[in-house]
Each structure stands twice: as structure tokens, then as C-alpha cells.
Protein backbone atom coordinates (compact mmCIF):
# COMPACT_ATOMS: atom_id res chain seq x y z
CA MET A 1 116.11 -82.86 5.19
CA LEU A 2 118.56 -80.82 3.15
CA ARG A 3 119.13 -78.64 6.21
CA TRP A 4 120.03 -81.69 8.31
CA SER A 5 122.44 -82.82 5.62
CA GLY A 6 124.12 -79.42 5.77
CA ILE A 7 124.29 -79.53 9.56
CA PHE A 8 126.01 -82.92 9.53
CA LEU A 9 128.39 -81.67 6.84
CA VAL A 10 129.38 -78.72 9.04
CA ILE A 11 129.85 -81.06 12.01
CA ALA A 12 132.10 -83.27 9.87
CA LEU A 13 134.18 -80.28 8.77
CA ILE A 14 134.59 -78.99 12.33
CA ALA A 15 135.54 -82.47 13.53
CA ALA A 16 138.10 -82.73 10.73
CA VAL A 17 139.68 -79.43 11.73
CA PHE A 18 140.04 -80.53 15.35
CA GLY A 19 141.28 -84.02 14.42
CA PHE A 20 138.37 -86.19 15.51
CA GLY A 21 138.51 -88.78 12.73
CA GLY A 22 135.75 -91.11 13.92
CA ILE A 23 133.24 -88.34 14.47
CA MET A 24 134.14 -86.79 11.13
CA GLU A 25 133.60 -90.03 9.21
CA SER A 26 130.27 -90.70 10.93
CA ALA A 27 128.92 -87.19 10.36
CA ALA A 28 130.08 -87.16 6.74
CA GLY A 29 128.42 -90.53 6.12
CA ILE A 30 125.14 -89.35 7.63
CA ALA A 31 125.30 -86.13 5.60
CA LYS A 32 125.87 -88.09 2.40
CA ILE A 33 122.97 -90.46 3.08
CA LEU A 34 120.57 -87.61 3.91
CA PHE A 35 121.61 -85.67 0.80
CA TYR A 36 121.01 -88.63 -1.51
CA LEU A 37 117.69 -89.34 0.20
CA PHE A 38 116.72 -85.70 -0.34
CA LEU A 39 117.62 -85.94 -4.03
CA ILE A 40 115.59 -89.10 -4.50
CA LEU A 41 112.54 -87.61 -2.79
CA PHE A 42 112.92 -84.40 -4.81
CA VAL A 43 112.98 -86.28 -8.12
CA VAL A 44 109.99 -88.41 -7.09
CA SER A 45 108.04 -85.29 -6.12
CA LEU A 46 108.87 -83.69 -9.48
CA ILE A 47 107.61 -86.75 -11.34
CA THR A 48 104.46 -87.26 -9.29
CA GLY A 49 103.81 -83.60 -8.49
CA ARG A 50 100.37 -82.13 -8.02
CA ARG A 51 98.76 -81.16 -11.28
CA LYS A 52 95.85 -78.79 -11.50
CA ILE A 53 93.33 -79.65 -14.19
């Protein structure tokens, strides 16, 4: 998921360089949502991680 966030971030940066505003905003929004989703899932997995007894 973090990889997809990075891919959409790169797409947003390339679109910004070439002047495609709508594509840039969409890709940046998707990248932001995926990054926050990744962070939430990461924190949840740290809290509820597997514990060996």
C-alpha cells in the first residue's frame, strides 16, 4: 500500500511539471488517502501484533 502511495505521488509530481492540474490534484489526493490508510493499518498491527508465548 505504501508503494501505491508513492506511485501516485510520482504521478502527481509528473503531472504538475507538465501542467495537468486536474490529474495532479486527483493523484495527490489518492496518494494522501493511501498513505494515511497505511499509517492507520501500521499502528493497528503494532498494537495487535502477534505475540509468542
